[in-house]
Amino acid sequence: MQTDLSKFSVGTYRAGPTMKVLAWYLINYYVLDSSLPWPYGFKRFLLILFGAKVGKGLVIKQKVRIKNPWRLVIGDNCWLGESVWIDNLVEVSIGSNVSISQGAMLLTGNHDYTLESFPYRLAGITLEDGVWIGAHSVVCPGITCQSHSILTVNSVATKNLDAWGIFTGNPAVFSRKRTMKG
């Protein structure tokens, strides 16, 4: 048997009501994914307007892409760096004091390569309080990054990250414990 993409379907995935999805597409493109320095508070307001649950103190830089804000929870005092991509086909939960550095990707879906029709495989992502996702890193579907864990630059989280651990590489492996001073 071979892959036959003519048989592909999205299965049970539905983005949301058509008009809401289209309106978000325009807002995301012209405001969040823009190079213009729109005020953080305005971006936060738009996310909430479209159904995201967002805490106070969100810093959201330019060129950020968020697929479905109605499937997004962000705690207090979080940073989303330039060119972050949250491809949330299903729920993404981000705790408080989380930093997602420039160019990082949170991917909640990929494809089942064992089936001819190459269907979606979807699973949510959880970033607990104090997590740091390094620049140009990838968090794969179904991953939980536990409290204060770090995924270093250009690393790929294919398994859950333990609390207070620093993980590096592709696939990311434990490097050492995270310590904090004062």
N, C-alpha and C. Protein backbone atom coordinates (compact mmCIF):
# COMPACT_ATOMS: atom_id res chain seq x y z
N MET A 1 0.85 -1.18 0.00
CA MET A 1 0.00 0.00 0.00
C MET A 1 0.89 1.24 0.00
N GLN A 2 0.44 2.29 -0.68
CA GLN A 2 1.17 3.55 -0.74
C GLN A 2 0.28 4.69 -0.26
N THR A 3 0.92 5.80 0.08
CA THR A 3 0.15 7.00 0.43
C THR A 3 -0.64 7.46 -0.78
N ASP A 4 -1.91 7.80 -0.55
CA ASP A 4 -2.77 8.31 -1.62
C ASP A 4 -3.46 9.57 -1.10
N LEU A 5 -2.85 10.72 -1.37
CA LEU A 5 -3.37 11.98 -0.83
C LEU A 5 -4.74 12.36 -1.39
N SER A 6 -5.17 11.74 -2.46
CA SER A 6 -6.52 12.02 -2.96
C SER A 6 -7.57 11.50 -1.99
N LYS A 7 -7.19 10.62 -1.07
CA LYS A 7 -8.11 10.07 -0.07
C LYS A 7 -8.09 10.84 1.24
N PHE A 8 -7.24 11.88 1.33
CA PHE A 8 -7.12 12.64 2.57
C PHE A 8 -8.43 13.34 2.93
N SER A 9 -8.73 13.33 4.23
CA SER A 9 -9.81 14.16 4.76
C SER A 9 -9.36 14.66 6.12
N VAL A 10 -9.96 15.72 6.58
CA VAL A 10 -9.59 16.28 7.88
C VAL A 10 -10.22 15.51 9.03
N GLY A 11 -11.03 14.51 8.72
CA GLY A 11 -11.67 13.72 9.76
C GLY A 11 -12.63 14.55 10.58
N THR A 12 -12.49 14.51 11.89
CA THR A 12 -13.42 15.23 12.77
C THR A 12 -13.00 16.67 13.02
N TYR A 13 -11.84 17.10 12.52
CA TYR A 13 -11.38 18.47 12.76
C TYR A 13 -12.30 19.48 12.08
N ARG A 14 -12.71 20.48 12.86
CA ARG A 14 -13.45 21.62 12.34
C ARG A 14 -12.86 22.87 12.97
N ALA A 15 -12.47 23.82 12.14
CA ALA A 15 -11.84 25.03 12.66
C ALA A 15 -12.81 25.83 13.52
N GLY A 16 -14.04 25.95 13.09
CA GLY A 16 -15.04 26.74 13.79
C GLY A 16 -16.04 27.27 12.78
N PRO A 17 -16.95 28.14 13.23
CA PRO A 17 -17.93 28.73 12.30
C PRO A 17 -17.21 29.49 11.18
N THR A 18 -17.66 29.32 9.96
CA THR A 18 -16.98 29.85 8.78
C THR A 18 -16.70 31.35 8.87
N MET A 19 -17.69 32.13 9.25
CA MET A 19 -17.49 33.58 9.31
C MET A 19 -16.48 33.97 10.39
N LYS A 20 -16.51 33.27 11.51
CA LYS A 20 -15.54 33.54 12.59
C LYS A 20 -14.14 33.21 12.12
N VAL A 21 -13.99 32.08 11.44
CA VAL A 21 -12.68 31.66 10.93
C VAL A 21 -12.16 32.67 9.91
N LEU A 22 -13.01 33.11 9.02
CA LEU A 22 -12.60 34.09 8.00
C LEU A 22 -12.23 35.43 8.64
N ALA A 23 -13.04 35.87 9.60
CA ALA A 23 -12.74 37.14 10.29
C ALA A 23 -11.40 37.02 11.03
N TRP A 24 -11.17 35.90 11.71
CA TRP A 24 -9.91 35.72 12.41
C TRP A 24 -8.74 35.70 11.44
N TYR A 25 -8.91 35.05 10.31
CA TYR A 25 -7.85 34.99 9.32
C TYR A 25 -7.38 36.40 8.96
N LEU A 26 -8.31 37.30 8.73
CA LEU A 26 -7.97 38.69 8.37
C LEU A 26 -7.30 39.42 9.54
N ILE A 27 -7.86 39.29 10.74
CA ILE A 27 -7.29 39.94 11.92
C ILE A 27 -5.88 39.41 12.17
N ASN A 28 -5.73 38.09 12.12
CA ASN A 28 -4.42 37.48 12.37
C ASN A 28 -3.40 37.99 11.35
N TYR A 29 -3.80 38.04 10.10
CA TYR A 29 -2.88 38.46 9.03
C TYR A 29 -2.48 39.93 9.16
N TYR A 30 -3.47 40.80 9.39
CA TYR A 30 -3.21 42.24 9.38
C TYR A 30 -2.75 42.82 10.72
N VAL A 31 -2.93 42.08 11.81
CA VAL A 31 -2.52 42.61 13.11
C VAL A 31 -1.44 41.73 13.74
N LEU A 32 -1.76 40.48 14.10
CA LEU A 32 -0.78 39.65 14.80
C LEU A 32 0.40 39.25 13.90
N ASP A 33 0.12 38.84 12.67
CA ASP A 33 1.18 38.39 11.76
C ASP A 33 1.79 39.54 10.97
N SER A 34 1.53 40.75 11.40
CA SER A 34 2.03 41.95 10.73
C SER A 34 3.38 42.36 11.30
N SER A 35 4.14 43.07 10.50
CA SER A 35 5.41 43.64 10.99
C SER A 35 5.19 44.95 11.74
N LEU A 36 3.97 45.48 11.69
CA LEU A 36 3.68 46.72 12.39
C LEU A 36 3.64 46.49 13.90
N PRO A 37 4.13 47.42 14.68
CA PRO A 37 4.18 47.24 16.14
C PRO A 37 2.86 47.60 16.82
N TRP A 38 1.81 46.82 16.55
CA TRP A 38 0.52 47.07 17.20
C TRP A 38 0.71 46.94 18.72
N PRO A 39 -0.02 47.74 19.51
CA PRO A 39 0.10 47.66 20.97
C PRO A 39 -0.27 46.27 21.50
N TYR A 40 0.47 45.81 22.51
CA TYR A 40 0.21 44.50 23.10
C TYR A 40 -1.22 44.39 23.61
N GLY A 41 -1.71 45.45 24.25
CA GLY A 41 -3.07 45.42 24.79
C GLY A 41 -4.12 45.24 23.70
N PHE A 42 -3.90 45.81 22.55
CA PHE A 42 -4.83 45.67 21.42
C PHE A 42 -4.83 44.22 20.92
N LYS A 43 -3.65 43.63 20.82
CA LYS A 43 -3.56 42.23 20.38
C LYS A 43 -4.24 41.31 21.39
N ARG A 44 -4.02 41.57 22.67
CA ARG A 44 -4.66 40.78 23.73
C ARG A 44 -6.17 40.90 23.63
N PHE A 45 -6.67 42.13 23.43
CA PHE A 45 -8.11 42.37 23.28
C PHE A 45 -8.68 41.54 22.12
N LEU A 46 -7.98 41.51 20.98
CA LEU A 46 -8.46 40.76 19.82
C LEU A 46 -8.49 39.26 20.10
N LEU A 47 -7.46 38.76 20.77
CA LEU A 47 -7.46 37.34 21.13
C LEU A 47 -8.66 36.99 22.00
N ILE A 48 -8.93 37.82 23.00
CA ILE A 48 -10.07 37.60 23.90
C ILE A 48 -11.38 37.72 23.12
N LEU A 49 -11.48 38.70 22.24
CA LEU A 49 -12.67 38.88 21.42
C LEU A 49 -12.99 37.62 20.62
N PHE A 50 -11.96 36.91 20.19
CA PHE A 50 -12.15 35.70 19.39
C PHE A 50 -12.13 34.42 20.23
N GLY A 51 -12.24 34.56 21.56
CA GLY A 51 -12.46 33.40 22.41
C GLY A 51 -11.27 32.88 23.19
N ALA A 52 -10.09 33.48 23.06
CA ALA A 52 -8.95 33.04 23.86
C ALA A 52 -9.16 33.47 25.30
N LYS A 53 -8.61 32.70 26.21
CA LYS A 53 -8.59 33.07 27.62
C LYS A 53 -7.16 33.54 27.90
N VAL A 54 -7.01 34.84 28.18
CA VAL A 54 -5.69 35.45 28.28
C VAL A 54 -5.57 36.21 29.59
N GLY A 55 -4.51 35.94 30.34
CA GLY A 55 -4.25 36.65 31.57
C GLY A 55 -3.66 38.03 31.32
N LYS A 56 -3.25 38.68 32.39
CA LYS A 56 -2.69 40.04 32.28
C LYS A 56 -1.22 39.97 31.89
N GLY A 57 -0.71 41.07 31.34
CA GLY A 57 0.71 41.22 31.09
C GLY A 57 1.25 40.46 29.88
N LEU A 58 0.42 40.18 28.90
CA LEU A 58 0.88 39.47 27.71
C LEU A 58 1.73 40.38 26.83
N VAL A 59 2.93 39.92 26.49
CA VAL A 59 3.79 40.59 25.52
C VAL A 59 3.74 39.74 24.26
N ILE A 60 3.27 40.33 23.18
CA ILE A 60 3.14 39.58 21.93
C ILE A 60 3.77 40.40 20.81
N LYS A 61 4.92 39.94 20.36
CA LYS A 61 5.72 40.67 19.36
C LYS A 61 5.11 40.56 17.97
N GLN A 62 5.80 41.08 16.97
CA GLN A 62 5.32 41.07 15.59
C GLN A 62 5.44 39.68 14.97
N LYS A 63 4.68 39.48 13.90
CA LYS A 63 4.73 38.29 13.05
C LYS A 63 4.33 37.01 13.77
N VAL A 64 3.46 37.10 14.77
CA VAL A 64 2.97 35.92 15.49
C VAL A 64 1.75 35.37 14.76
N ARG A 65 1.72 34.05 14.61
CA ARG A 65 0.57 33.39 13.97
C ARG A 65 -0.11 32.48 14.97
N ILE A 66 -1.41 32.66 15.10
CA ILE A 66 -2.22 31.80 15.97
C ILE A 66 -3.37 31.29 15.13
N LYS A 67 -3.47 29.96 15.00
CA LYS A 67 -4.46 29.36 14.10
C LYS A 67 -5.89 29.58 14.60
N ASN A 68 -6.19 29.17 15.84
CA ASN A 68 -7.55 29.22 16.37
C ASN A 68 -7.54 29.77 17.80
N PRO A 69 -7.72 31.08 17.98
CA PRO A 69 -7.64 31.64 19.33
C PRO A 69 -8.68 31.05 20.30
N TRP A 70 -9.78 30.56 19.79
CA TRP A 70 -10.82 29.96 20.64
C TRP A 70 -10.35 28.64 21.24
N ARG A 71 -9.18 28.19 20.89
CA ARG A 71 -8.59 26.97 21.46
C ARG A 71 -7.27 27.29 22.18
N LEU A 72 -7.21 28.49 22.78
CA LEU A 72 -5.97 28.95 23.39
C LEU A 72 -6.23 29.53 24.78
N VAL A 73 -5.41 29.09 25.74
CA VAL A 73 -5.42 29.64 27.10
C VAL A 73 -4.00 30.10 27.39
N ILE A 74 -3.86 31.36 27.82
CA ILE A 74 -2.55 31.93 28.17
C ILE A 74 -2.67 32.55 29.55
N GLY A 75 -1.76 32.20 30.45
CA GLY A 75 -1.76 32.75 31.80
C GLY A 75 -1.21 34.17 31.86
N ASP A 76 -0.85 34.60 33.06
CA ASP A 76 -0.34 35.95 33.29
C ASP A 76 1.14 36.07 32.91
N ASN A 77 1.51 37.26 32.47
CA ASN A 77 2.91 37.65 32.26
C ASN A 77 3.67 36.71 31.32
N CYS A 78 3.09 36.45 30.16
CA CYS A 78 3.72 35.58 29.16
C CYS A 78 4.29 36.41 28.02
N TRP A 79 5.30 35.86 27.38
CA TRP A 79 5.94 36.50 26.23
C TRP A 79 5.83 35.59 25.02
N LEU A 80 5.35 36.15 23.91
CA LEU A 80 5.36 35.45 22.62
C LEU A 80 6.30 36.25 21.71
N GLY A 81 7.43 35.67 21.37
CA GLY A 81 8.45 36.36 20.59
C GLY A 81 8.08 36.47 19.12
N GLU A 82 8.90 37.22 18.39
CA GLU A 82 8.66 37.44 16.96
C GLU A 82 8.61 36.12 16.21
N SER A 83 7.65 36.02 15.30
CA SER A 83 7.49 34.88 14.41
C SER A 83 7.15 33.57 15.12
N VAL A 84 6.58 33.64 16.32
CA VAL A 84 6.07 32.44 16.98
C VAL A 84 4.86 31.95 16.20
N TRP A 85 4.74 30.64 16.07
CA TRP A 85 3.58 30.04 15.38
C TRP A 85 2.92 29.06 16.32
N ILE A 86 1.68 29.38 16.70
CA ILE A 86 0.87 28.46 17.51
C ILE A 86 -0.16 27.85 16.56
N ASP A 87 0.13 26.65 16.11
CA ASP A 87 -0.72 25.94 15.15
C ASP A 87 -1.68 25.05 15.93
N ASN A 88 -2.63 25.70 16.60
CA ASN A 88 -3.50 25.01 17.53
C ASN A 88 -4.80 24.53 16.87
N LEU A 89 -4.71 23.39 16.24
CA LEU A 89 -5.89 22.73 15.69
C LEU A 89 -6.78 22.21 16.81
N VAL A 90 -6.16 21.93 17.95
CA VAL A 90 -6.86 21.59 19.20
C VAL A 90 -6.26 22.46 20.30
N GLU A 91 -6.64 22.21 21.54
CA GLU A 91 -6.31 23.11 22.64
C GLU A 91 -4.81 23.21 22.92
N VAL A 92 -4.40 24.45 23.18
CA VAL A 92 -3.06 24.76 23.70
C VAL A 92 -3.26 25.56 24.98
N SER A 93 -2.63 25.09 26.05
CA SER A 93 -2.71 25.76 27.35
C SER A 93 -1.31 26.20 27.77
N ILE A 94 -1.17 27.50 28.00
CA ILE A 94 0.10 28.10 28.36
C ILE A 94 -0.07 28.70 29.76
N GLY A 95 0.75 28.26 30.70
CA GLY A 95 0.65 28.75 32.07
C GLY A 95 1.14 30.18 32.20
N SER A 96 1.39 30.60 33.42
CA SER A 96 1.88 31.96 33.69
C SER A 96 3.40 32.00 33.61
N ASN A 97 3.92 33.18 33.28
CA ASN A 97 5.36 33.43 33.23
C ASN A 97 6.08 32.49 32.27
N VAL A 98 5.45 32.25 31.12
CA VAL A 98 6.02 31.40 30.08
C VAL A 98 6.59 32.29 28.99
N SER A 99 7.78 31.92 28.51
CA SER A 99 8.40 32.64 27.41
C SER A 99 8.54 31.69 26.21
N ILE A 100 7.98 32.12 25.09
CA ILE A 100 8.13 31.37 23.84
C ILE A 100 8.93 32.28 22.91
N SER A 101 10.16 31.89 22.66
CA SER A 101 11.10 32.75 21.94
C SER A 101 10.86 32.75 20.44
N GLN A 102 11.50 33.70 19.77
CA GLN A 102 11.28 33.96 18.35
C GLN A 102 11.42 32.70 17.49
N GLY A 103 10.46 32.56 16.58
CA GLY A 103 10.50 31.47 15.61
C GLY A 103 10.10 30.11 16.15
N ALA A 104 9.72 30.02 17.41
CA ALA A 104 9.31 28.73 17.97
C ALA A 104 7.93 28.33 17.43
N MET A 105 7.69 27.03 17.39
CA MET A 105 6.42 26.51 16.87
C MET A 105 5.79 25.54 17.87
N LEU A 106 4.51 25.71 18.11
CA LEU A 106 3.72 24.76 18.89
C LEU A 106 2.78 24.08 17.89
N LEU A 107 3.00 22.81 17.64
CA LEU A 107 2.26 22.08 16.60
C LEU A 107 1.36 21.03 17.23
N THR A 108 0.05 21.20 17.10
CA THR A 108 -0.89 20.25 17.70
C THR A 108 -1.34 19.17 16.72
N GLY A 109 -0.84 19.21 15.51
CA GLY A 109 -1.25 18.19 14.55
C GLY A 109 -0.14 17.80 13.61
N ASN A 110 -0.20 16.55 13.20
CA ASN A 110 0.61 16.08 12.09
C ASN A 110 -0.22 15.01 11.37
N HIS A 111 0.39 14.09 10.70
CA HIS A 111 -0.36 13.12 9.90
C HIS A 111 0.02 11.69 10.29
N ASP A 112 -0.94 10.79 10.16
CA ASP A 112 -0.70 9.38 10.42
C ASP A 112 -0.15 8.75 9.15
N TYR A 113 1.16 8.59 9.11
CA TYR A 113 1.83 8.09 7.91
C TYR A 113 1.64 6.58 7.73
N THR A 114 1.02 5.90 8.72
CA THR A 114 0.79 4.46 8.59
C THR A 114 -0.47 4.15 7.80
N LEU A 115 -1.27 5.16 7.53
CA LEU A 115 -2.52 4.96 6.78
C LEU A 115 -2.41 5.58 5.40
N GLU A 116 -2.97 4.93 4.44
CA GLU A 116 -2.93 5.35 3.05
C GLU A 116 -3.47 6.77 2.86
N SER A 117 -4.50 7.13 3.64
CA SER A 117 -5.16 8.44 3.46
C SER A 117 -4.45 9.57 4.20
N PHE A 118 -3.36 9.27 4.97
CA PHE A 118 -2.54 10.30 5.61
C PHE A 118 -3.38 11.25 6.48
N PRO A 119 -4.32 10.71 7.32
CA PRO A 119 -5.23 11.59 8.08
C PRO A 119 -4.50 12.37 9.17
N TYR A 120 -5.17 13.43 9.66
CA TYR A 120 -4.64 14.18 10.79
C TYR A 120 -4.52 13.29 12.03
N ARG A 121 -3.49 13.56 12.83
CA ARG A 121 -3.37 13.08 14.21
C ARG A 121 -3.25 14.35 15.04
N LEU A 122 -4.20 14.57 15.92
CA LEU A 122 -4.26 15.81 16.70
C LEU A 122 -4.12 15.52 18.19
N ALA A 123 -3.38 16.38 18.88
CA ALA A 123 -3.26 16.28 20.33
C ALA A 123 -2.83 17.64 20.88
N GLY A 124 -3.40 18.01 22.00
CA GLY A 124 -3.13 19.32 22.60
C GLY A 124 -1.73 19.43 23.19
N ILE A 125 -1.37 20.65 23.55
CA ILE A 125 -0.07 20.96 24.15
C ILE A 125 -0.32 21.74 25.44
N THR A 126 0.47 21.42 26.47
CA THR A 126 0.41 22.15 27.73
C THR A 126 1.81 22.63 28.09
N LEU A 127 1.93 23.93 28.29
CA LEU A 127 3.17 24.53 28.81
C LEU A 127 2.84 25.04 30.20
N GLU A 128 3.38 24.39 31.22
CA GLU A 128 3.08 24.78 32.59
C GLU A 128 3.82 26.06 32.98
N ASP A 129 3.54 26.57 34.16
CA ASP A 129 4.14 27.83 34.63
C ASP A 129 5.66 27.82 34.52
N GLY A 130 6.23 28.96 34.09
CA GLY A 130 7.66 29.17 34.09
C GLY A 130 8.44 28.49 32.97
N VAL A 131 7.76 27.89 32.03
CA VAL A 131 8.44 27.20 30.92
C VAL A 131 9.07 28.22 29.98
N TRP A 132 10.20 27.84 29.39
CA TRP A 132 10.86 28.66 28.37
C TRP A 132 11.09 27.77 27.15
N ILE A 133 10.49 28.17 26.04
CA ILE A 133 10.68 27.49 24.76
C ILE A 133 11.67 28.35 23.97
N GLY A 134 12.85 27.80 23.68
CA GLY A 134 13.91 28.54 23.02
C GLY A 134 13.61 28.86 21.56
N ALA A 135 14.35 29.79 21.02
CA ALA A 135 14.17 30.25 19.64
C ALA A 135 14.26 29.08 18.66
N HIS A 136 13.37 29.10 17.69
CA HIS A 136 13.34 28.12 16.60
C HIS A 136 13.18 26.68 17.07
N SER A 137 12.58 26.49 18.23
CA SER A 137 12.30 25.16 18.74
C SER A 137 10.90 24.74 18.35
N VAL A 138 10.63 23.44 18.44
CA VAL A 138 9.33 22.88 18.07
C VAL A 138 8.81 22.03 19.22
N VAL A 139 7.56 22.26 19.60
CA VAL A 139 6.87 21.40 20.55
C VAL A 139 5.84 20.61 19.75
N CYS A 140 5.96 19.29 19.79
CA CYS A 140 5.11 18.41 18.98
C CYS A 140 3.76 18.13 19.65
N PRO A 141 2.81 17.57 18.89
CA PRO A 141 1.47 17.28 19.44
C PRO A 141 1.52 16.39 20.67
N GLY A 142 0.65 16.71 21.63
CA GLY A 142 0.47 15.88 22.81
C GLY A 142 1.49 16.09 23.91
N ILE A 143 2.37 17.07 23.77
CA ILE A 143 3.47 17.26 24.72
C ILE A 143 3.05 18.16 25.88
N THR A 144 3.52 17.80 27.08
CA THR A 144 3.43 18.66 28.25
C THR A 144 4.85 19.03 28.65
N CYS A 145 5.09 20.33 28.73
CA CYS A 145 6.35 20.85 29.25
C CYS A 145 6.05 21.26 30.69
N GLN A 146 6.57 20.47 31.63
CA GLN A 146 6.23 20.67 33.02
C GLN A 146 6.90 21.93 33.58
N SER A 147 6.47 22.30 34.77
CA SER A 147 6.85 23.54 35.43
C SER A 147 8.34 23.87 35.29
N HIS A 148 8.61 25.06 34.76
CA HIS A 148 9.94 25.64 34.66
C HIS A 148 10.94 24.84 33.82
N SER A 149 10.44 23.97 32.97
CA SER A 149 11.35 23.26 32.06
C SER A 149 11.78 24.20 30.94
N ILE A 150 12.91 23.88 30.32
CA ILE A 150 13.44 24.68 29.22
C ILE A 150 13.69 23.76 28.03
N LEU A 151 13.24 24.19 26.86
CA LEU A 151 13.57 23.56 25.59
C LEU A 151 14.52 24.51 24.89
N THR A 152 15.77 24.10 24.71
CA THR A 152 16.80 25.02 24.21
C THR A 152 16.66 25.30 22.72
N VAL A 153 17.39 26.30 22.25
CA VAL A 153 17.36 26.77 20.88
C VAL A 153 17.46 25.61 19.88
N ASN A 154 16.57 25.63 18.87
CA ASN A 154 16.58 24.65 17.77
C ASN A 154 16.32 23.22 18.21
N SER A 155 15.67 23.02 19.34
CA SER A 155 15.38 21.67 19.82
C SER A 155 13.95 21.28 19.48
N VAL A 156 13.68 19.97 19.54
CA VAL A 156 12.36 19.45 19.20
C VAL A 156 11.87 18.55 20.34
N ALA A 157 10.78 18.97 20.98
CA ALA A 157 10.19 18.19 22.07
C ALA A 157 9.24 17.15 21.48
N THR A 158 9.66 15.89 21.50
CA THR A 158 8.83 14.78 21.02
C THR A 158 8.28 13.96 22.18
N LYS A 159 8.77 14.24 23.40
CA LYS A 159 8.31 13.60 24.62
C LYS A 159 8.14 14.68 25.68
N ASN A 160 7.35 14.39 26.70
CA ASN A 160 7.13 15.35 27.78
C ASN A 160 8.45 15.77 28.42
N LEU A 161 8.50 17.05 28.81
CA LEU A 161 9.68 17.59 29.49
C LEU A 161 9.41 17.63 30.99
N ASP A 162 10.31 17.06 31.78
CA ASP A 162 10.15 17.02 33.23
C ASP A 162 10.35 18.41 33.84
N ALA A 163 9.71 18.62 34.98
CA ALA A 163 9.81 19.89 35.70
C ALA A 163 11.26 20.22 36.02
N TRP A 164 11.62 21.47 35.83
CA TRP A 164 12.92 22.04 36.16
C TRP A 164 14.07 21.39 35.38
N GLY A 165 13.75 20.75 34.26
CA GLY A 165 14.79 20.16 33.44
C GLY A 165 15.11 21.04 32.24
N ILE A 166 16.34 20.93 31.76
CA ILE A 166 16.75 21.61 30.54
C ILE A 166 16.95 20.52 29.49
N PHE A 167 16.28 20.69 28.34
CA PHE A 167 16.27 19.68 27.30
C PHE A 167 16.80 20.27 26.01
N THR A 168 17.61 19.50 25.31
CA THR A 168 18.26 20.00 24.11
C THR A 168 18.35 18.92 23.04
N GLY A 169 18.34 19.36 21.78
CA GLY A 169 18.56 18.45 20.66
C GLY A 169 17.31 18.09 19.88
N ASN A 170 17.50 17.21 18.89
CA ASN A 170 16.40 16.72 18.05
C ASN A 170 16.57 15.21 17.87
N PRO A 171 15.78 14.43 18.60
CA PRO A 171 14.77 14.84 19.59
C PRO A 171 15.43 15.33 20.88
N ALA A 172 14.72 16.18 21.60
CA ALA A 172 15.26 16.77 22.82
C ALA A 172 15.45 15.71 23.89
N VAL A 173 16.61 15.78 24.55
CA VAL A 173 16.92 14.89 25.67
C VAL A 173 17.33 15.75 26.86
N PHE A 174 17.20 15.16 28.04
CA PHE A 174 17.56 15.86 29.27
C PHE A 174 19.04 16.21 29.24
N SER A 175 19.35 17.46 29.58
CA SER A 175 20.74 17.92 29.63
C SER A 175 21.20 18.11 31.07
N ARG A 176 20.39 18.84 31.84
CA ARG A 176 20.73 19.09 33.25
C ARG A 176 19.52 19.73 33.95
N LYS A 177 19.63 19.89 35.25
CA LYS A 177 18.58 20.53 36.03
C LYS A 177 18.69 22.04 35.92
N ARG A 178 17.56 22.72 35.91
CA ARG A 178 17.53 24.17 35.91
C ARG A 178 17.63 24.65 37.35
N THR A 179 18.51 25.60 37.58
CA THR A 179 18.61 26.23 38.89
C THR A 179 18.40 27.73 38.73
N MET A 180 17.94 28.35 39.80
CA MET A 180 17.70 29.79 39.76
C MET A 180 18.38 30.44 40.96
N LYS A 181 18.93 31.61 40.73
CA LYS A 181 19.60 32.36 41.79
C LYS A 181 18.67 33.44 42.32
N GLY A 182 18.78 33.70 43.61
CA GLY A 182 18.13 34.80 44.27
C GLY A 182 16.77 35.07 43.85
